[in-house]
Amino acid sequence: MLKLKKSVPITLFSRPACLSANKYFFEQTNCKLVAIISKGGLKVRTSSFTTWSNRACDNFKNFNKNTDICLIDYDREGEHTSKMLICPGDDSFYAKYILVGVESHKVGKAISITYYKHFV
């Protein structure tokens, strides 16, 4: 795992290198938003989300409906950034979780996730 000092924008060029090519189940009760926290130690924090966003991401710069999905994050603290979207994968609903998307923009609780559209 690598922690960067500055964020790296996700583009169509860089996405295939970091996101899984496996199929996954996109279902909001089982997929999670994950944040890595490193305050004195490495911790993982997960939060739930909703896909109903009432067009909350329409004003985000570079929001692309073909490669991005807009989510409302239920993280109570709301201060954790650089979230990742993980979902059950490998053609089994109860299989391991795989990385399927990364946060590209955030305003308030609205998050734009650039993700790999190969769900089951």
PDB file of N, CA and C in Angstrom:
ATOM      1  N   MET A   1       0.843  -1.157   0.000  1.00  0.00           N
ATOM      2  CA  MET A   1       0.000   0.000   0.000  1.00  0.00           C
ATOM      3  C   MET A   1       0.895   1.227   0.000  1.00  0.00           C
ATOM      4  N   LEU A   2       0.472   2.251  -0.725  1.00  0.00           N
ATOM      5  CA  LEU A   2       1.267   3.454  -0.893  1.00  0.00           C
ATOM      6  C   LEU A   2       0.442   4.668  -0.541  1.00  0.00           C
ATOM      7  N   LYS A   3       0.978   5.547   0.271  1.00  0.00           N
ATOM      8  CA  LYS A   3       0.289   6.794   0.605  1.00  0.00           C
ATOM      9  C   LYS A   3       0.975   7.920  -0.151  1.00  0.00           C
ATOM     10  N   LEU A   4       0.208   8.664  -0.924  1.00  0.00           N
ATOM     11  CA  LEU A   4       0.748   9.756  -1.721  1.00  0.00           C
ATOM     12  C   LEU A   4       0.605  11.071  -0.978  1.00  0.00           C
ATOM     13  N   LYS A   5       1.547  11.988  -1.201  1.00  0.00           N
ATOM     14  CA  LYS A   5       1.463  13.309  -0.586  1.00  0.00           C
ATOM     15  C   LYS A   5       0.433  14.179  -1.288  1.00  0.00           C
ATOM     16  N   LYS A   6       0.240  13.976  -2.580  1.00  0.00           N
ATOM     17  CA  LYS A   6      -0.751  14.721  -3.354  1.00  0.00           C
ATOM     18  C   LYS A   6      -1.648  13.723  -4.072  1.00  0.00           C
ATOM     19  N   SER A   7      -2.891  14.106  -4.290  1.00  0.00           N
ATOM     20  CA  SER A   7      -3.807  13.201  -4.983  1.00  0.00           C
ATOM     21  C   SER A   7      -3.444  13.115  -6.461  1.00  0.00           C
ATOM     22  N   VAL A   8      -3.714  11.967  -7.043  1.00  0.00           N
ATOM     23  CA  VAL A   8      -3.475  11.739  -8.459  1.00  0.00           C
ATOM     24  C   VAL A   8      -4.830  11.633  -9.131  1.00  0.00           C
ATOM     25  N   PRO A   9      -5.111  12.486 -10.127  1.00  0.00           N
ATOM     26  CA  PRO A   9      -6.423  12.405 -10.772  1.00  0.00           C
ATOM     27  C   PRO A   9      -6.591  11.078 -11.504  1.00  0.00           C
ATOM     28  N   ILE A  10      -7.768  10.510 -11.391  1.00  0.00           N
ATOM     29  CA  ILE A  10      -8.063   9.254 -12.074  1.00  0.00           C
ATOM     30  C   ILE A  10      -8.504   9.576 -13.491  1.00  0.00           C
ATOM     31  N   THR A  11      -7.895   8.936 -14.450  1.00  0.00           N
ATOM     32  CA  THR A  11      -8.239   9.158 -15.852  1.00  0.00           C
ATOM     33  C   THR A  11      -8.532   7.816 -16.497  1.00  0.00           C
ATOM     34  N   LEU A  12      -9.012   7.851 -17.718  1.00  0.00           N
ATOM     35  CA  LEU A  12      -9.249   6.607 -18.448  1.00  0.00           C
ATOM     36  C   LEU A  12      -7.946   5.852 -18.659  1.00  0.00           C
ATOM     37  N   PHE A  13      -6.838   6.569 -18.704  1.00  0.00           N
ATOM     38  CA  PHE A  13      -5.544   5.929 -18.891  1.00  0.00           C
ATOM     39  C   PHE A  13      -5.098   5.178 -17.637  1.00  0.00           C
ATOM     40  N   SER A  14      -5.288   5.763 -16.457  1.00  0.00           N
ATOM     41  CA  SER A  14      -4.767   5.143 -15.236  1.00  0.00           C
ATOM     42  C   SER A  14      -5.710   4.145 -14.590  1.00  0.00           C
ATOM     43  N   ARG A  15      -7.009   4.229 -14.845  1.00  0.00           N
ATOM     44  CA  ARG A  15      -7.967   3.378 -14.149  1.00  0.00           C
ATOM     45  C   ARG A  15      -7.738   1.883 -14.354  1.00  0.00           C
ATOM     46  N   PRO A  16      -7.501   1.380 -15.563  1.00  0.00           N
ATOM     47  CA  PRO A  16      -7.356  -0.073 -15.712  1.00  0.00           C
ATOM     48  C   PRO A  16      -6.199  -0.672 -14.922  1.00  0.00           C
ATOM     49  N   ALA A  17      -5.201   0.114 -14.593  1.00  0.00           N
ATOM     50  CA  ALA A  17      -4.053  -0.413 -13.859  1.00  0.00           C
ATOM     51  C   ALA A  17      -4.372  -0.683 -12.394  1.00  0.00           C
ATOM     52  N   CYS A  18      -5.358   0.013 -11.826  1.00  0.00           N
ATOM     53  CA  CYS A  18      -5.584  -0.134 -10.388  1.00  0.00           C
ATOM     54  C   CYS A  18      -6.901  -0.814 -10.042  1.00  0.00           C
ATOM     55  N   LEU A  19      -7.846  -0.894 -10.956  1.00  0.00           N
ATOM     56  CA  LEU A  19      -9.139  -1.493 -10.642  1.00  0.00           C
ATOM     57  C   LEU A  19      -9.232  -2.910 -11.189  1.00  0.00           C
ATOM     58  N   SER A  20      -9.920  -3.741 -10.468  1.00  0.00           N
ATOM     59  CA  SER A  20     -10.048  -5.141 -10.841  1.00  0.00           C
ATOM     60  C   SER A  20     -10.847  -5.300 -12.126  1.00  0.00           C
ATOM     61  N   ALA A  21     -10.489  -6.289 -12.920  1.00  0.00           N
ATOM     62  CA  ALA A  21     -11.239  -6.606 -14.130  1.00  0.00           C
ATOM     63  C   ALA A  21     -12.265  -7.703 -13.870  1.00  0.00           C
ATOM     64  N   ASN A  22     -12.355  -8.169 -12.633  1.00  0.00           N
ATOM     65  CA  ASN A  22     -13.316  -9.210 -12.283  1.00  0.00           C
ATOM     66  C   ASN A  22     -14.728  -8.656 -12.249  1.00  0.00           C
ATOM     67  N   LYS A  23     -15.695  -9.552 -12.440  1.00  0.00           N
ATOM     68  CA  LYS A  23     -17.093  -9.153 -12.277  1.00  0.00           C
ATOM     69  C   LYS A  23     -17.388  -8.997 -10.797  1.00  0.00           C
ATOM     70  N   TYR A  24     -18.360  -8.149 -10.491  1.00  0.00           N
ATOM     71  CA  TYR A  24     -18.728  -7.933  -9.101  1.00  0.00           C
ATOM     72  C   TYR A  24     -20.210  -7.650  -9.008  1.00  0.00           C
ATOM     73  N   PHE A  25     -20.737  -7.695  -7.801  1.00  0.00           N
ATOM     74  CA  PHE A  25     -22.147  -7.435  -7.544  1.00  0.00           C
ATOM     75  C   PHE A  25     -22.287  -6.029  -6.980  1.00  0.00           C
ATOM     76  N   PHE A  26     -22.882  -5.121  -7.749  1.00  0.00           N
ATOM     77  CA  PHE A  26     -23.088  -3.759  -7.261  1.00  0.00           C
ATOM     78  C   PHE A  26     -24.442  -3.701  -6.580  1.00  0.00           C
ATOM     79  N   GLU A  27     -24.409  -3.772  -5.262  1.00  0.00           N
ATOM     80  CA  GLU A  27     -25.624  -3.778  -4.455  1.00  0.00           C
ATOM     81  C   GLU A  27     -25.301  -2.987  -3.199  1.00  0.00           C
ATOM     82  N   GLN A  28     -26.006  -1.875  -2.986  1.00  0.00           N
ATOM     83  CA  GLN A  28     -25.550  -0.927  -1.979  1.00  0.00           C
ATOM     84  C   GLN A  28     -25.572  -1.434  -0.545  1.00  0.00           C
ATOM     85  N   THR A  29     -26.281  -2.503  -0.235  1.00  0.00           N
ATOM     86  CA  THR A  29     -26.222  -2.999   1.144  1.00  0.00           C
ATOM     87  C   THR A  29     -24.968  -3.830   1.393  1.00  0.00           C
ATOM     88  N   ASN A  30     -24.339  -4.358   0.339  1.00  0.00           N
ATOM     89  CA  ASN A  30     -23.139  -5.171   0.512  1.00  0.00           C
ATOM     90  C   ASN A  30     -21.860  -4.483   0.059  1.00  0.00           C
ATOM     91  N   CYS A  31     -21.943  -3.534  -0.847  1.00  0.00           N
ATOM     92  CA  CYS A  31     -20.768  -2.754  -1.222  1.00  0.00           C
ATOM     93  C   CYS A  31     -20.509  -1.729  -0.120  1.00  0.00           C
ATOM     94  N   LYS A  32     -19.263  -1.345   0.056  1.00  0.00           N
ATOM     95  CA  LYS A  32     -18.882  -0.403   1.115  1.00  0.00           C
ATOM     96  C   LYS A  32     -17.924   0.643   0.567  1.00  0.00           C
ATOM     97  N   LEU A  33     -17.986   1.827   1.179  1.00  0.00           N
ATOM     98  CA  LEU A  33     -16.966   2.841   0.949  1.00  0.00           C
ATOM     99  C   LEU A  33     -15.909   2.655   2.027  1.00  0.00           C
ATOM    100  N   VAL A  34     -14.653   2.612   1.634  1.00  0.00           N
ATOM    101  CA  VAL A  34     -13.563   2.345   2.558  1.00  0.00           C
ATOM    102  C   VAL A  34     -12.595   3.521   2.553  1.00  0.00           C
ATOM    103  N   ALA A  35     -12.171   3.944   3.745  1.00  0.00           N
ATOM    104  CA  ALA A  35     -11.145   4.977   3.887  1.00  0.00           C
ATOM    105  C   ALA A  35     -10.007   4.401   4.716  1.00  0.00           C
ATOM    106  N   ILE A  36      -8.787   4.682   4.307  1.00  0.00           N
ATOM    107  CA  ILE A  36      -7.609   4.275   5.056  1.00  0.00           C
ATOM    108  C   ILE A  36      -7.172   5.467   5.903  1.00  0.00           C
ATOM    109  N   ILE A  37      -7.044   5.266   7.199  1.00  0.00           N
ATOM    110  CA  ILE A  37      -6.675   6.333   8.122  1.00  0.00           C
ATOM    111  C   ILE A  37      -5.322   5.980   8.730  1.00  0.00           C
ATOM    112  N   SER A  38      -4.414   6.939   8.771  1.00  0.00           N
ATOM    113  CA  SER A  38      -3.087   6.644   9.322  1.00  0.00           C
ATOM    114  C   SER A  38      -2.685   7.644  10.395  1.00  0.00           C
ATOM    115  N   LYS A  39      -3.541   7.851  11.372  1.00  0.00           N
ATOM    116  CA  LYS A  39      -3.215   8.725  12.504  1.00  0.00           C
ATOM    117  C   LYS A  39      -2.575   7.878  13.597  1.00  0.00           C
ATOM    118  N   GLY A  40      -1.260   7.789  13.586  1.00  0.00           N
ATOM    119  CA  GLY A  40      -0.559   7.006  14.593  1.00  0.00           C
ATOM    120  C   GLY A  40      -0.563   5.511  14.325  1.00  0.00           C
ATOM    121  N   GLY A  41      -1.218   5.070  13.300  1.00  0.00           N
ATOM    122  CA  GLY A  41      -1.291   3.664  12.938  1.00  0.00           C
ATOM    123  C   GLY A  41      -2.219   3.525  11.745  1.00  0.00           C
ATOM    124  N   LEU A  42      -2.199   2.391  11.119  1.00  0.00           N
ATOM    125  CA  LEU A  42      -3.013   2.171   9.934  1.00  0.00           C
ATOM    126  C   LEU A  42      -4.357   1.589  10.335  1.00  0.00           C
ATOM    127  N   LYS A  43      -5.438   2.286  10.019  1.00  0.00           N
ATOM    128  CA  LYS A  43      -6.782   1.824  10.339  1.00  0.00           C
ATOM    129  C   LYS A  43      -7.643   1.899   9.088  1.00  0.00           C
ATOM    130  N   VAL A  44      -8.609   1.010   9.002  1.00  0.00           N
ATOM    131  CA  VAL A  44      -9.552   1.004   7.887  1.00  0.00           C
ATOM    132  C   VAL A  44     -10.924   1.355   8.433  1.00  0.00           C
ATOM    133  N   ARG A  45     -11.591   2.294   7.781  1.00  0.00           N
ATOM    134  CA  ARG A  45     -12.928   2.714   8.200  1.00  0.00           C
ATOM    135  C   ARG A  45     -13.877   2.497   7.025  1.00  0.00           C
ATOM    136  N   THR A  46     -15.002   1.831   7.280  1.00  0.00           N
ATOM    137  CA  THR A  46     -15.988   1.626   6.224  1.00  0.00           C
ATOM    138  C   THR A  46     -17.240   2.433   6.528  1.00  0.00           C
ATOM    139  N   SER A  47     -17.964   2.774   5.475  1.00  0.00           N
ATOM    140  CA  SER A  47     -19.242   3.467   5.643  1.00  0.00           C
ATOM    141  C   SER A  47     -20.204   3.003   4.567  1.00  0.00           C
ATOM    142  N   SER A  48     -21.470   3.157   4.844  1.00  0.00           N
ATOM    143  CA  SER A  48     -22.514   2.813   3.882  1.00  0.00           C
ATOM    144  C   SER A  48     -22.806   4.025   3.009  1.00  0.00           C
ATOM    145  N   PHE A  49     -23.601   3.815   1.974  1.00  0.00           N
ATOM    146  CA  PHE A  49     -23.925   4.889   1.047  1.00  0.00           C
ATOM    147  C   PHE A  49     -25.279   4.630   0.421  1.00  0.00           C
ATOM    148  N   THR A  50     -25.780   5.612  -0.290  1.00  0.00           N
ATOM    149  CA  THR A  50     -26.967   5.435  -1.106  1.00  0.00           C
ATOM    150  C   THR A  50     -26.648   5.902  -2.516  1.00  0.00           C
ATOM    151  N   THR A  51     -27.260   5.268  -3.505  1.00  0.00           N
ATOM    152  CA  THR A  51     -27.061   5.693  -4.887  1.00  0.00           C
ATOM    153  C   THR A  51     -28.039   6.786  -5.277  1.00  0.00           C
ATOM    154  N   TRP A  52     -29.014   7.071  -4.414  1.00  0.00           N
ATOM    155  CA  TRP A  52     -29.944   8.157  -4.688  1.00  0.00           C
ATOM    156  C   TRP A  52     -29.267   9.451  -4.298  1.00  0.00           C
ATOM    157  N   SER A  53     -29.015  10.331  -5.253  1.00  0.00           N
ATOM    158  CA  SER A  53     -28.238  11.530  -4.967  1.00  0.00           C
ATOM    159  C   SER A  53     -28.911  12.817  -5.410  1.00  0.00           C
ATOM    160  N   ASN A  54     -30.068  12.736  -6.082  1.00  0.00           N
ATOM    161  CA  ASN A  54     -30.786  13.928  -6.534  1.00  0.00           C
ATOM    162  C   ASN A  54     -29.868  14.855  -7.326  1.00  0.00           C
ATOM    163  N   ARG A  55     -29.072  14.281  -8.217  1.00  0.00           N
ATOM    164  CA  ARG A  55     -28.170  15.024  -9.109  1.00  0.00           C
ATOM    165  C   ARG A  55     -27.127  15.835  -8.345  1.00  0.00           C
ATOM    166  N   ALA A  56     -26.700  15.350  -7.204  1.00  0.00           N
ATOM    167  CA  ALA A  56     -25.752  16.084  -6.357  1.00  0.00           C
ATOM    168  C   ALA A  56     -24.385  16.266  -7.008  1.00  0.00           C
ATOM    169  N   CYS A  57     -24.025  15.417  -7.958  1.00  0.00           N
ATOM    170  CA  CYS A  57     -22.692  15.489  -8.565  1.00  0.00           C
ATOM    171  C   CYS A  57     -22.682  16.191  -9.921  1.00  0.00           C
ATOM    172  N   ASP A  58     -23.816  16.688 -10.376  1.00  0.00           N
ATOM    173  CA  ASP A  58     -23.875  17.301 -11.705  1.00  0.00           C
ATOM    174  C   ASP A  58     -22.933  18.485 -11.876  1.00  0.00           C
ATOM    175  N   ASN A  59     -22.618  19.196 -10.812  1.00  0.00           N
ATOM    176  CA  ASN A  59     -21.736  20.360 -10.912  1.00  0.00           C
ATOM    177  C   ASN A  59     -20.268  20.031 -10.672  1.00  0.00           C
ATOM    178  N   PHE A  60     -19.941  18.769 -10.423  1.00  0.00           N
ATOM    179  CA  PHE A  60     -18.541  18.392 -10.220  1.00  0.00           C
ATOM    180  C   PHE A  60     -17.787  18.542 -11.532  1.00  0.00           C
ATOM    181  N   LYS A  61     -16.595  19.076 -11.439  1.00  0.00           N
ATOM    182  CA  LYS A  61     -15.743  19.210 -12.618  1.00  0.00           C
ATOM    183  C   LYS A  61     -15.382  17.808 -13.119  1.00  0.00           C
ATOM    184  N   ASN A  62     -15.470  17.602 -14.402  1.00  0.00           N
ATOM    185  CA  ASN A  62     -15.112  16.337 -15.060  1.00  0.00           C
ATOM    186  C   ASN A  62     -15.983  15.150 -14.659  1.00  0.00           C
ATOM    187  N   PHE A  63     -17.200  15.384 -14.128  1.00  0.00           N
ATOM    188  CA  PHE A  63     -18.090  14.264 -13.806  1.00  0.00           C
ATOM    189  C   PHE A  63     -18.592  13.662 -15.110  1.00  0.00           C
ATOM    190  N   ASN A  64     -18.374  12.372 -15.304  1.00  0.00           N
ATOM    191  CA  ASN A  64     -18.743  11.676 -16.527  1.00  0.00           C
ATOM    192  C   ASN A  64     -19.704  10.549 -16.163  1.00  0.00           C
ATOM    193  N   LYS A  65     -20.936  10.627 -16.642  1.00  0.00           N
ATOM    194  CA  LYS A  65     -21.945   9.617 -16.293  1.00  0.00           C
ATOM    195  C   LYS A  65     -21.599   8.227 -16.813  1.00  0.00           C
ATOM    196  N   ASN A  66     -20.678   8.126 -17.782  1.00  0.00           N
ATOM    197  CA  ASN A  66     -20.290   6.823 -18.316  1.00  0.00           C
ATOM    198  C   ASN A  66     -19.244   6.119 -17.456  1.00  0.00           C
ATOM    199  N   THR A  67     -18.448   6.880 -16.710  1.00  0.00           N
ATOM    200  CA  THR A  67     -17.380   6.265 -15.915  1.00  0.00           C
ATOM    201  C   THR A  67     -17.491   6.563 -14.427  1.00  0.00           C
ATOM    202  N   ASP A  68     -18.390   7.468 -14.033  1.00  0.00           N
ATOM    203  CA  ASP A  68     -18.516   7.864 -12.631  1.00  0.00           C
ATOM    204  C   ASP A  68     -19.917   7.551 -12.117  1.00  0.00           C
ATOM    205  N   ILE A  69     -19.999   7.343 -10.824  1.00  0.00           N
ATOM    206  CA  ILE A  69     -21.288   7.168 -10.172  1.00  0.00           C
ATOM    207  C   ILE A  69     -21.319   8.124  -8.984  1.00  0.00           C
ATOM    208  N   CYS A  70     -22.475   8.721  -8.756  1.00  0.00           N
ATOM    209  CA  CYS A  70     -22.627   9.678  -7.662  1.00  0.00           C
ATOM    210  C   CYS A  70     -23.266   8.969  -6.471  1.00  0.00           C
ATOM    211  N   LEU A  71     -22.619   9.045  -5.316  1.00  0.00           N
ATOM    212  CA  LEU A  71     -23.114   8.399  -4.106  1.00  0.00           C
ATOM    213  C   LEU A  71     -23.235   9.423  -2.988  1.00  0.00           C
ATOM    214  N   ILE A  72     -24.128   9.162  -2.054  1.00  0.00           N
ATOM    215  CA  ILE A  72     -24.219   9.954  -0.836  1.00  0.00           C
ATOM    216  C   ILE A  72     -23.630   9.105   0.286  1.00  0.00           C
ATOM    217  N   ASP A  73     -22.567   9.608   0.899  1.00  0.00           N
ATOM    218  CA  ASP A  73     -21.817   8.886   1.921  1.00  0.00           C
ATOM    219  C   ASP A  73     -22.483   9.052   3.285  1.00  0.00           C
ATOM    220  N   TYR A  74     -22.674   7.945   3.998  1.00  0.00           N
ATOM    221  CA  TYR A  74     -23.280   7.977   5.328  1.00  0.00           C
ATOM    222  C   TYR A  74     -22.243   8.027   6.451  1.00  0.00           C
ATOM    223  N   ASP A  75     -20.997   8.346   6.141  1.00  0.00           N
ATOM    224  CA  ASP A  75     -19.960   8.449   7.165  1.00  0.00           C
ATOM    225  C   ASP A  75     -20.332   9.569   8.127  1.00  0.00           C
ATOM    226  N   ARG A  76     -20.494   9.234   9.395  1.00  0.00           N
ATOM    227  CA  ARG A  76     -20.927  10.234  10.391  1.00  0.00           C
ATOM    228  C   ARG A  76     -19.922  11.362  10.552  1.00  0.00           C
ATOM    229  N   GLU A  77     -18.639  11.047  10.497  1.00  0.00           N
ATOM    230  CA  GLU A  77     -17.627  12.077  10.691  1.00  0.00           C
ATOM    231  C   GLU A  77     -17.430  12.912   9.434  1.00  0.00           C
ATOM    232  N   GLY A  78     -17.505  12.279   8.276  1.00  0.00           N
ATOM    233  CA  GLY A  78     -17.440  12.995   7.013  1.00  0.00           C
ATOM    234  C   GLY A  78     -16.115  13.643   6.681  1.00  0.00           C
ATOM    235  N   GLU A  79     -15.078  13.402   7.472  1.00  0.00           N
ATOM    236  CA  GLU A  79     -13.796  14.052   7.222  1.00  0.00           C
ATOM    237  C   GLU A  79     -12.816  13.175   6.456  1.00  0.00           C
ATOM    238  N   HIS A  80     -13.128  11.911   6.298  1.00  0.00           N
ATOM    239  CA  HIS A  80     -12.213  10.987   5.636  1.00  0.00           C
ATOM    240  C   HIS A  80     -12.361  11.106   4.127  1.00  0.00           C
ATOM    241  N   THR A  81     -11.233  11.262   3.450  1.00  0.00           N
ATOM    242  CA  THR A  81     -11.247  11.433   2.004  1.00  0.00           C
ATOM    243  C   THR A  81     -10.551  10.263   1.336  1.00  0.00           C
ATOM    244  N   SER A  82     -10.454  10.329   0.032  1.00  0.00           N
ATOM    245  CA  SER A  82      -9.799   9.296  -0.767  1.00  0.00           C
ATOM    246  C   SER A  82     -10.432   7.935  -0.522  1.00  0.00           C
ATOM    247  N   LYS A  83     -11.741   7.882  -0.595  1.00  0.00           N
ATOM    248  CA  LYS A  83     -12.448   6.626  -0.346  1.00  0.00           C
ATOM    249  C   LYS A  83     -12.392   5.716  -1.566  1.00  0.00           C
ATOM    250  N   MET A  84     -12.530   4.430  -1.281  1.00  0.00           N
ATOM    251  CA  MET A  84     -12.561   3.416  -2.321  1.00  0.00           C
ATOM    252  C   MET A  84     -13.871   2.658  -2.209  1.00  0.00           C
ATOM    253  N   LEU A  85     -14.407   2.210  -3.329  1.00  0.00           N
ATOM    254  CA  LEU A  85     -15.627   1.416  -3.353  1.00  0.00           C
ATOM    255  C   LEU A  85     -15.235  -0.043  -3.516  1.00  0.00           C
ATOM    256  N   ILE A  86     -15.673  -0.882  -2.567  1.00  0.00           N
ATOM    257  CA  ILE A  86     -15.417  -2.317  -2.669  1.00  0.00           C
ATOM    258  C   ILE A  86     -16.755  -3.047  -2.707  1.00  0.00           C
ATOM    259  N   CYS A  87     -16.797  -4.141  -3.472  1.00  0.00           N
ATOM    260  CA  CYS A  87     -18.017  -4.939  -3.624  1.00  0.00           C
ATOM    261  C   CYS A  87     -17.643  -6.418  -3.678  1.00  0.00           C
ATOM    262  N   PRO A  88     -18.608  -7.314  -3.353  1.00  0.00           N
ATOM    263  CA  PRO A  88     -18.349  -8.752  -3.499  1.00  0.00           C
ATOM    264  C   PRO A  88     -18.108  -9.087  -4.965  1.00  0.00           C
ATOM    265  N   GLY A  89     -17.146  -9.971  -5.228  1.00  0.00           N
ATOM    266  CA  GLY A  89     -16.811 -10.269  -6.613  1.00  0.00           C
ATOM    267  C   GLY A  89     -16.533 -11.723  -6.887  1.00  0.00           C
ATOM    268  N   ASP A  90     -15.943 -11.962  -8.032  1.00  0.00           N
ATOM    269  CA  ASP A  90     -15.576 -13.299  -8.512  1.00  0.00           C
ATOM    270  C   ASP A  90     -16.784 -14.199  -8.726  1.00  0.00           C
ATOM    271  N   ASP A  91     -17.843 -13.659  -9.303  1.00  0.00           N
ATOM    272  CA  ASP A  91     -19.035 -14.427  -9.676  1.00  0.00           C
ATOM    273  C   ASP A  91     -19.716 -15.136  -8.505  1.00  0.00           C
ATOM    274  N   SER A  92     -19.465 -14.700  -7.299  1.00  0.00           N
ATOM    275  CA  SER A  92     -20.123 -15.277  -6.140  1.00  0.00           C
ATOM    276  C   SER A  92     -20.484 -14.157  -5.182  1.00  0.00           C
ATOM    277  N   PHE A  93     -21.757 -14.089  -4.811  1.00  0.00           N
ATOM    278  CA  PHE A  93     -22.222 -13.014  -3.946  1.00  0.00           C
ATOM    279  C   PHE A  93     -21.525 -13.027  -2.592  1.00  0.00           C
ATOM    280  N   TYR A  94     -21.044 -14.186  -2.164  1.00  0.00           N
ATOM    281  CA  TYR A  94     -20.397 -14.310  -0.857  1.00  0.00           C
ATOM    282  C   TYR A  94     -18.880 -14.425  -0.972  1.00  0.00           C
ATOM    283  N   ALA A  95     -18.328 -14.075  -2.120  1.00  0.00           N
ATOM    284  CA  ALA A  95     -16.885 -14.186  -2.342  1.00  0.00           C
ATOM    285  C   ALA A  95     -16.148 -13.001  -1.727  1.00  0.00           C
ATOM    286  N   LYS A  96     -14.871 -12.962  -1.975  1.00  0.00           N
ATOM    287  CA  LYS A  96     -14.050 -11.871  -1.453  1.00  0.00           C
ATOM    288  C   LYS A  96     -14.486 -10.530  -2.036  1.00  0.00           C
ATOM    289  N   TYR A  97     -14.155  -9.471  -1.323  1.00  0.00           N
ATOM    290  CA  TYR A  97     -14.433  -8.126  -1.810  1.00  0.00           C
ATOM    291  C   TYR A  97     -13.302  -7.680  -2.725  1.00  0.00           C
ATOM    292  N   ILE A  98     -13.643  -6.943  -3.767  1.00  0.00           N
ATOM    293  CA  ILE A  98     -12.634  -6.420  -4.675  1.00  0.00           C
ATOM    294  C   ILE A  98     -12.813  -4.909  -4.821  1.00  0.00           C
ATOM    295  N   LEU A  99     -11.727  -4.227  -5.150  1.00  0.00           N
ATOM    296  CA  LEU A  99     -11.752  -2.789  -5.386  1.00  0.00           C
ATOM    297  C   LEU A  99     -12.371  -2.528  -6.750  1.00  0.00           C
ATOM    298  N   VAL A 100     -13.453  -1.751  -6.786  1.00  0.00           N
ATOM    299  CA  VAL A 100     -14.113  -1.480  -8.066  1.00  0.00           C
ATOM    300  C   VAL A 100     -14.184   0.005  -8.400  1.00  0.00           C
ATOM    301  N   GLY A 101     -13.848   0.884  -7.462  1.00  0.00           N
ATOM    302  CA  GLY A 101     -13.905   2.312  -7.755  1.00  0.00           C
ATOM    303  C   GLY A 101     -13.136   3.140  -6.746  1.00  0.00           C
ATOM    304  N   VAL A 102     -12.759   4.353  -7.159  1.00  0.00           N
ATOM    305  CA  VAL A 102     -12.035   5.274  -6.290  1.00  0.00           C
ATOM    306  C   VAL A 102     -12.676   6.651  -6.348  1.00  0.00           C
ATOM    307  N   GLU A 103     -12.594   7.372  -5.237  1.00  0.00           N
ATOM    308  CA  GLU A 103     -13.180   8.712  -5.148  1.00  0.00           C
ATOM    309  C   GLU A 103     -12.438   9.679  -6.059  1.00  0.00           C
ATOM    310  N   SER A 104     -13.194  10.445  -6.842  1.00  0.00           N
ATOM    311  CA  SER A 104     -12.566  11.455  -7.683  1.00  0.00           C
ATOM    312  C   SER A 104     -12.927  12.869  -7.247  1.00  0.00           C
ATOM    313  N   HIS A 105     -14.123  13.073  -6.685  1.00  0.00           N
ATOM    314  CA  HIS A 105     -14.547  14.384  -6.189  1.00  0.00           C
ATOM    315  C   HIS A 105     -15.429  14.197  -4.960  1.00  0.00           C
ATOM    316  N   LYS A 106     -15.453  15.222  -4.103  1.00  0.00           N
ATOM    317  CA  LYS A 106     -16.332  15.179  -2.938  1.00  0.00           C
ATOM    318  C   LYS A 106     -16.736  16.597  -2.563  1.00  0.00           C
ATOM    319  N   VAL A 107     -18.038  16.795  -2.358  1.00  0.00           N
ATOM    320  CA  VAL A 107     -18.564  18.052  -1.832  1.00  0.00           C
ATOM    321  C   VAL A 107     -19.626  17.678  -0.812  1.00  0.00           C
ATOM    322  N   GLY A 108     -19.392  18.025   0.453  1.00  0.00           N
ATOM    323  CA  GLY A 108     -20.316  17.619   1.505  1.00  0.00           C
ATOM    324  C   GLY A 108     -20.339  16.107   1.608  1.00  0.00           C
ATOM    325  N   LYS A 109     -21.516  15.520   1.544  1.00  0.00           N
ATOM    326  CA  LYS A 109     -21.643  14.062   1.602  1.00  0.00           C
ATOM    327  C   LYS A 109     -21.725  13.428   0.214  1.00  0.00           C
ATOM    328  N   ALA A 110     -21.790  14.255  -0.837  1.00  0.00           N
ATOM    329  CA  ALA A 110     -21.841  13.734  -2.205  1.00  0.00           C
ATOM    330  C   ALA A 110     -20.437  13.368  -2.672  1.00  0.00           C
ATOM    331  N   ILE A 111     -20.300  12.149  -3.191  1.00  0.00           N
ATOM    332  CA  ILE A 111     -19.004  11.649  -3.655  1.00  0.00           C
ATOM    333  C   ILE A 111     -19.155  11.124  -5.076  1.00  0.00           C
ATOM    334  N   SER A 112     -18.231  11.515  -5.928  1.00  0.00           N
ATOM    335  CA  SER A 112     -18.153  10.962  -7.272  1.00  0.00           C
ATOM    336  C   SER A 112     -17.119   9.843  -7.241  1.00  0.00           C
ATOM    337  N   ILE A 113     -17.528   8.646  -7.649  1.00  0.00           N
ATOM    338  CA  ILE A 113     -16.639   7.484  -7.678  1.00  0.00           C
ATOM    339  C   ILE A 113     -16.407   7.097  -9.132  1.00  0.00           C
ATOM    340  N   THR A 114     -15.143   7.064  -9.543  1.00  0.00           N
ATOM    341  CA  THR A 114     -14.792   6.540 -10.857  1.00  0.00           C
ATOM    342  C   THR A 114     -14.672   5.035 -10.688  1.00  0.00           C
ATOM    343  N   TYR A 115     -15.440   4.289 -11.472  1.00  0.00           N
ATOM    344  CA  TYR A 115     -15.500   2.849 -11.227  1.00  0.00           C
ATOM    345  C   TYR A 115     -15.480   2.043 -12.515  1.00  0.00           C
ATOM    346  N   TYR A 116     -15.233   0.755 -12.344  1.00  0.00           N
ATOM    347  CA  TYR A 116     -15.156  -0.193 -13.441  1.00  0.00           C
ATOM    348  C   TYR A 116     -16.530  -0.818 -13.630  1.00  0.00           C
ATOM    349  N   LYS A 117     -17.163  -0.588 -14.787  1.00  0.00           N
ATOM    350  CA  LYS A 117     -18.536  -1.061 -15.026  1.00  0.00           C
ATOM    351  C   LYS A 117     -18.539  -2.477 -15.600  1.00  0.00           C
ATOM    352  N   HIS A 118     -18.282  -3.428 -14.774  1.00  0.00           N
ATOM    353  CA  HIS A 118     -18.339  -4.820 -15.229  1.00  0.00           C
ATOM    354  C   HIS A 118     -19.034  -5.651 -14.163  1.00  0.00           C
ATOM    355  N   PHE A 119     -20.157  -5.113 -13.665  1.00  0.00           N
ATOM    356  CA  PHE A 119     -20.850  -5.820 -12.595  1.00  0.00           C
ATOM    357  C   PHE A 119     -21.778  -6.881 -13.152  1.00  0.00           C
ATOM    358  N   VAL A 120     -22.151  -7.822 -12.293  1.00  0.00           N
ATOM    359  CA  VAL A 120     -23.008  -8.950 -12.666  1.00  0.00           C
ATOM    360  C   VAL A 120     -24.451  -8.511 -12.655  1.00  0.00           C
TER     361      VAL A 120
END
